[in-house]
Amino acid sequence: MSIEIADWPAGVGRFSFDEVTSTLDVACEQAVQHQNATWFTAIRQTASRGRRGRPWVAPVGNFYGTLSVPCSDPETASLRSFVAALAVHDALRAVMGDGPKLALKWPNDVLLNDGKVAGILLESILVQGQMWGVAVGIGVNLIAAPDMAQVEEGALYPVSVKTESGVDVTPDAFLKHLAPAFAQWDGQLTTYGFAPIRTAWLARAARLGETITARLPTEDVIGRFDTVDENGYLVLNTAKGPRNIAAADVFF
């Protein structure tokens, strides 16, 4: 199968490394040296992390990258998780074709055949205490996935592109699909606002209309996943009525 690869997005930089603690660390340290959005990628990460500081298993051959995006508005910056999810979805579809099932799990996971294939983590980039931009960290299981023993209890089982689709794709080849896809969706966000991003994300959402659990630090909220609102909040229809949730871990 021949897949057409879009040109590298104009004005977007890229730096690649053999080994780093985390591409998020490098992006937060170096992004301000560059005026435009910049990709930082690495072959190996020695201190990968996920949401809330959880460790992330990082075998060589998977994709590890962070895009720094200049943005001084925290609310707009947070919406880049939806942009990233759509971009990862499109890049995976490009390399695997139409067969495997893909879906997006709020707030920041991409699912392949109902297992977790990619995670997204956003961190603010600060300069003298002021927000300069956002670092969009993306990890994709291209050739290997962690064992279930290495993931949080109740979480979805991890999968890889290779095991689920039989497709071998290198991190560099994957980035050639991911970077243009991110630039295209980000252009939609900056030009038209969150509305088209929200619509596209909901069309790909996992378990929309089904009962799910949102785990907050002090409670579990159970309800029907009705939508994502104009701020990117999860909207659950609970026994006590609608509940808008800004941040949580979601379990099916």
Protein backbone atom coordinates (compact mmCIF):
# COMPACT_ATOMS: atom_id res chain seq x y z
CA MET A 1 0.00 0.00 0.00
CA SER A 2 1.38 3.39 -0.97
CA ILE A 3 0.73 6.25 1.44
CA GLU A 4 1.26 9.83 0.30
CA ILE A 5 3.22 11.88 2.83
CA ALA A 6 2.52 15.60 3.10
CA ASP A 7 5.39 18.07 3.02
CA TRP A 8 6.98 19.10 6.29
CA PRO A 9 4.95 22.06 7.63
CA ALA A 10 6.43 25.44 6.79
CA GLY A 11 8.17 27.25 9.62
CA VAL A 12 8.13 24.28 12.01
CA GLY A 13 11.51 23.29 13.43
CA ARG A 14 12.86 19.89 14.42
CA PHE A 15 15.66 18.66 16.66
CA SER A 16 16.39 14.96 17.14
CA PHE A 17 18.43 13.32 19.90
CA ASP A 18 19.80 9.86 20.55
CA GLU A 19 18.97 9.88 24.26
CA VAL A 20 17.23 12.31 26.63
CA THR A 21 15.52 12.08 30.00
CA SER A 22 12.28 13.07 28.25
CA THR A 23 11.50 15.07 25.14
CA LEU A 24 9.16 17.09 27.37
CA ASP A 25 12.17 18.11 29.48
CA VAL A 26 14.14 19.15 26.41
CA ALA A 27 11.24 21.09 24.93
CA CYS A 28 10.61 22.99 28.17
CA GLU A 29 14.31 23.85 28.40
CA GLN A 30 14.99 24.78 24.77
CA ALA A 31 11.70 25.92 23.22
CA VAL A 32 12.14 29.59 24.08
CA GLN A 33 15.26 29.68 21.89
CA HIS A 34 13.00 29.25 18.86
CA GLN A 35 10.24 31.60 17.74
CA ASN A 36 8.15 29.01 15.96
CA ALA A 37 6.66 25.64 16.85
CA THR A 38 9.44 23.05 17.15
CA TRP A 39 9.52 19.26 17.36
CA PHE A 40 11.94 17.58 19.76
CA THR A 41 12.30 13.83 19.23
CA ALA A 42 14.51 11.11 20.71
CA ILE A 43 15.41 7.49 20.09
CA ARG A 44 15.59 6.76 23.82
CA GLN A 45 14.04 8.31 26.91
CA THR A 46 15.51 7.47 30.31
CA ALA A 47 12.84 9.14 32.45
CA SER A 48 9.60 9.02 30.48
CA ARG A 49 6.47 10.11 32.29
CA GLY A 50 2.74 10.14 31.82
CA ARG A 51 -0.12 11.95 33.51
CA ARG A 52 0.43 12.96 37.14
CA GLY A 53 4.08 11.96 36.99
CA ARG A 54 3.43 8.28 36.33
CA PRO A 55 6.34 6.44 34.69
CA TRP A 56 6.02 5.60 30.99
CA VAL A 57 7.74 2.48 29.63
CA ALA A 58 9.88 3.53 26.65
CA PRO A 59 11.49 0.78 24.54
CA VAL A 60 13.59 1.81 21.54
CA GLY A 61 11.58 1.80 18.32
CA ASN A 62 8.50 3.56 19.65
CA PHE A 63 7.82 7.23 18.94
CA TYR A 64 8.82 9.83 21.52
CA GLY A 65 8.31 13.46 20.59
CA THR A 66 7.28 16.82 21.98
CA LEU A 67 6.09 19.82 20.01
CA SER A 68 6.62 23.22 21.59
CA VAL A 69 3.91 25.70 20.60
CA PRO A 70 4.17 29.41 21.46
CA CYS A 71 0.91 30.35 23.19
CA SER A 72 0.36 32.74 26.09
CA ASP A 73 -3.28 31.80 26.71
CA PRO A 74 -3.61 28.80 29.08
CA GLU A 75 -7.15 27.95 27.91
CA THR A 76 -6.18 27.81 24.24
CA ALA A 77 -3.01 25.93 25.11
CA SER A 78 -4.96 23.19 26.89
CA LEU A 79 -7.01 22.54 23.75
CA ARG A 80 -3.86 21.33 22.00
CA SER A 81 -4.49 17.92 23.57
CA PHE A 82 -7.47 17.55 21.21
CA VAL A 83 -5.39 18.78 18.27
CA ALA A 84 -2.68 16.26 19.14
CA ALA A 85 -5.17 13.40 19.46
CA LEU A 86 -6.63 14.13 16.04
CA ALA A 87 -3.14 14.37 14.53
CA VAL A 88 -2.05 11.05 16.04
CA HIS A 89 -5.28 9.46 14.83
CA ASP A 90 -4.66 10.70 11.28
CA ALA A 91 -1.01 9.64 11.30
CA LEU A 92 -1.90 6.16 12.52
CA ARG A 93 -4.62 5.85 9.88
CA ALA A 94 -2.11 6.89 7.23
CA VAL A 95 0.45 4.24 8.17
CA MET A 96 -2.00 1.40 8.90
CA GLY A 97 -4.72 1.98 6.33
CA ASP A 98 -8.45 1.60 6.95
CA GLY A 99 -8.53 -1.80 8.66
CA PRO A 100 -7.69 -1.35 12.36
CA LYS A 101 -10.17 0.40 14.63
CA LEU A 102 -9.08 3.78 16.01
CA ALA A 103 -10.79 5.93 18.65
CA LEU A 104 -9.98 8.85 20.94
CA LYS A 105 -10.32 8.56 24.70
CA TRP A 106 -10.82 11.72 26.75
CA PRO A 107 -8.69 13.49 27.78
CA ASN A 108 -5.50 12.38 26.06
CA ASP A 109 -5.29 8.79 24.81
CA VAL A 110 -5.54 7.20 21.38
CA LEU A 111 -6.99 3.69 21.16
CA LEU A 112 -6.24 1.00 18.61
CA ASN A 113 -8.59 -1.99 18.53
CA ASP A 114 -9.79 -0.87 22.00
CA GLY A 115 -6.30 -0.89 23.53
CA LYS A 116 -4.12 2.13 24.33
CA VAL A 117 -1.60 2.82 21.59
CA ALA A 118 -0.67 6.44 22.34
CA GLY A 119 -0.66 8.96 25.14
CA ILE A 120 -0.48 12.75 25.14
CA LEU A 121 0.77 14.99 27.94
CA LEU A 122 0.75 18.79 28.00
CA GLU A 123 3.04 20.94 30.13
CA SER A 124 3.24 24.72 30.32
CA ILE A 125 6.46 26.41 29.23
CA LEU A 126 7.18 29.31 31.56
CA VAL A 127 9.59 32.23 31.22
CA GLN A 128 10.15 34.28 34.38
CA GLY A 129 6.88 32.96 35.75
CA GLN A 130 4.88 33.91 32.66
CA MET A 131 3.41 31.45 30.20
CA TRP A 132 5.41 31.35 26.97
CA GLY A 133 3.77 28.32 25.42
CA VAL A 134 2.84 24.70 25.74
CA ALA A 135 4.83 21.50 25.30
CA VAL A 136 2.75 18.76 23.68
CA GLY A 137 4.35 15.42 24.55
CA ILE A 138 3.35 12.41 22.46
CA GLY A 139 4.30 8.78 22.93
CA VAL A 140 3.17 6.12 20.45
CA ASN A 141 3.67 2.36 20.77
CA LEU A 142 4.91 1.63 17.27
CA ILE A 143 6.68 -1.69 17.82
CA ALA A 144 6.12 -2.65 21.48
CA ALA A 145 3.68 -2.07 24.34
CA PRO A 146 4.13 -2.37 28.11
CA ASP A 147 2.96 -5.45 29.98
CA MET A 148 -0.32 -5.10 31.87
CA ALA A 149 1.67 -5.37 35.10
CA GLN A 150 3.31 -2.05 34.22
CA VAL A 151 0.08 -0.05 33.87
CA GLU A 152 -2.36 1.31 36.41
CA GLU A 153 -4.99 -1.07 37.74
CA GLY A 154 -8.20 -0.76 35.74
CA ALA A 155 -6.51 0.97 32.82
CA LEU A 156 -6.95 -0.20 29.24
CA TYR A 157 -4.48 -2.80 28.04
CA PRO A 158 -1.57 -1.41 26.00
CA VAL A 159 -1.12 -2.35 22.35
CA SER A 160 1.30 -1.51 19.56
CA VAL A 161 0.92 -0.69 15.89
CA LYS A 162 3.02 -3.71 14.93
CA THR A 163 1.09 -6.28 16.95
CA GLU A 164 -2.35 -4.96 16.00
CA SER A 165 -1.78 -4.20 12.31
CA GLY A 166 1.40 -6.00 11.31
CA VAL A 167 2.81 -2.69 10.06
CA ASP A 168 6.43 -1.80 10.77
CA VAL A 169 6.95 1.96 10.87
CA THR A 170 9.97 3.84 12.17
CA PRO A 171 9.63 6.87 14.45
CA ASP A 172 11.03 9.13 11.70
CA ALA A 173 8.53 7.83 9.17
CA PHE A 174 5.70 8.27 11.65
CA LEU A 175 6.70 11.89 12.34
CA LYS A 176 6.50 12.65 8.63
CA HIS A 177 2.78 11.95 8.89
CA LEU A 178 2.27 13.36 12.38
CA ALA A 179 3.85 16.79 11.92
CA PRO A 180 1.75 17.82 8.88
CA ALA A 181 -1.40 16.43 10.52
CA PHE A 182 -0.78 18.44 13.68
CA ALA A 183 -0.09 21.60 11.66
CA GLN A 184 -3.33 21.14 9.71
CA TRP A 185 -5.52 20.66 12.81
CA ASP A 186 -3.72 23.41 14.70
CA GLY A 187 -4.43 25.74 11.80
CA GLN A 188 -8.12 24.92 12.23
CA LEU A 189 -7.90 25.79 15.93
CA THR A 190 -6.14 29.11 15.42
CA THR A 191 -8.33 30.14 12.48
CA TYR A 192 -11.80 28.95 13.51
CA GLY A 193 -11.52 28.26 17.25
CA PHE A 194 -12.33 25.04 19.07
CA ALA A 195 -15.68 24.29 17.37
CA PRO A 196 -14.36 22.32 14.34
CA ILE A 197 -11.80 20.53 16.52
CA ARG A 198 -14.53 19.56 18.99
CA THR A 199 -16.76 18.25 16.19
CA ALA A 200 -13.96 16.20 14.65
CA TRP A 201 -12.87 14.83 18.02
CA LEU A 202 -16.41 13.78 19.01
CA ALA A 203 -16.79 11.96 15.68
CA ARG A 204 -13.85 9.78 16.74
CA ALA A 205 -14.63 9.57 20.48
CA ALA A 206 -14.52 6.26 22.34
CA ARG A 207 -17.62 5.26 24.35
CA LEU A 208 -19.67 8.34 23.47
CA GLY A 209 -23.21 7.79 24.81
CA GLU A 210 -22.06 5.01 27.14
CA THR A 211 -21.60 4.89 30.92
CA ILE A 212 -18.02 5.60 32.02
CA THR A 213 -16.20 6.52 35.23
CA ALA A 214 -14.20 9.73 35.71
CA ARG A 215 -11.75 9.34 38.58
CA LEU A 216 -11.01 12.63 40.39
CA PRO A 217 -8.58 13.01 43.30
CA THR A 218 -11.41 12.88 45.85
CA GLU A 219 -14.22 10.98 44.10
CA ASP A 220 -15.29 8.76 41.23
CA VAL A 221 -17.99 10.22 39.01
CA ILE A 222 -20.10 7.72 37.06
CA GLY A 223 -22.36 8.80 34.23
CA ARG A 224 -23.24 8.66 30.56
CA PHE A 225 -20.62 10.30 28.36
CA ASP A 226 -22.82 12.88 26.64
CA THR A 227 -20.31 15.22 25.00
CA VAL A 228 -17.28 17.46 25.38
CA ASP A 229 -18.22 21.09 25.95
CA GLU A 230 -16.85 24.27 24.35
CA ASN A 231 -14.02 24.35 26.91
CA GLY A 232 -12.98 20.77 26.29
CA TYR A 233 -14.54 19.56 29.55
CA LEU A 234 -16.00 16.08 29.78
CA VAL A 235 -19.80 16.18 30.23
CA LEU A 236 -21.32 13.26 32.11
CA ASN A 237 -25.02 12.73 32.69
CA THR A 238 -24.99 11.45 36.27
CA ALA A 239 -27.72 10.38 38.70
CA LYS A 240 -27.56 13.94 40.08
CA GLY A 241 -27.69 15.63 36.70
CA PRO A 242 -25.09 16.87 34.21
CA ARG A 243 -21.52 17.18 35.47
CA ASN A 244 -18.78 19.07 33.61
CA ILE A 245 -15.31 17.76 34.45
CA ALA A 246 -12.15 19.69 33.62
CA ALA A 247 -9.59 16.97 34.44
CA ALA A 248 -9.83 13.33 35.44
CA ASP A 249 -8.72 9.81 34.56
CA VAL A 250 -11.42 7.99 32.62
CA PHE A 251 -12.15 4.29 33.03
CA PHE A 252 -14.50 2.14 30.93
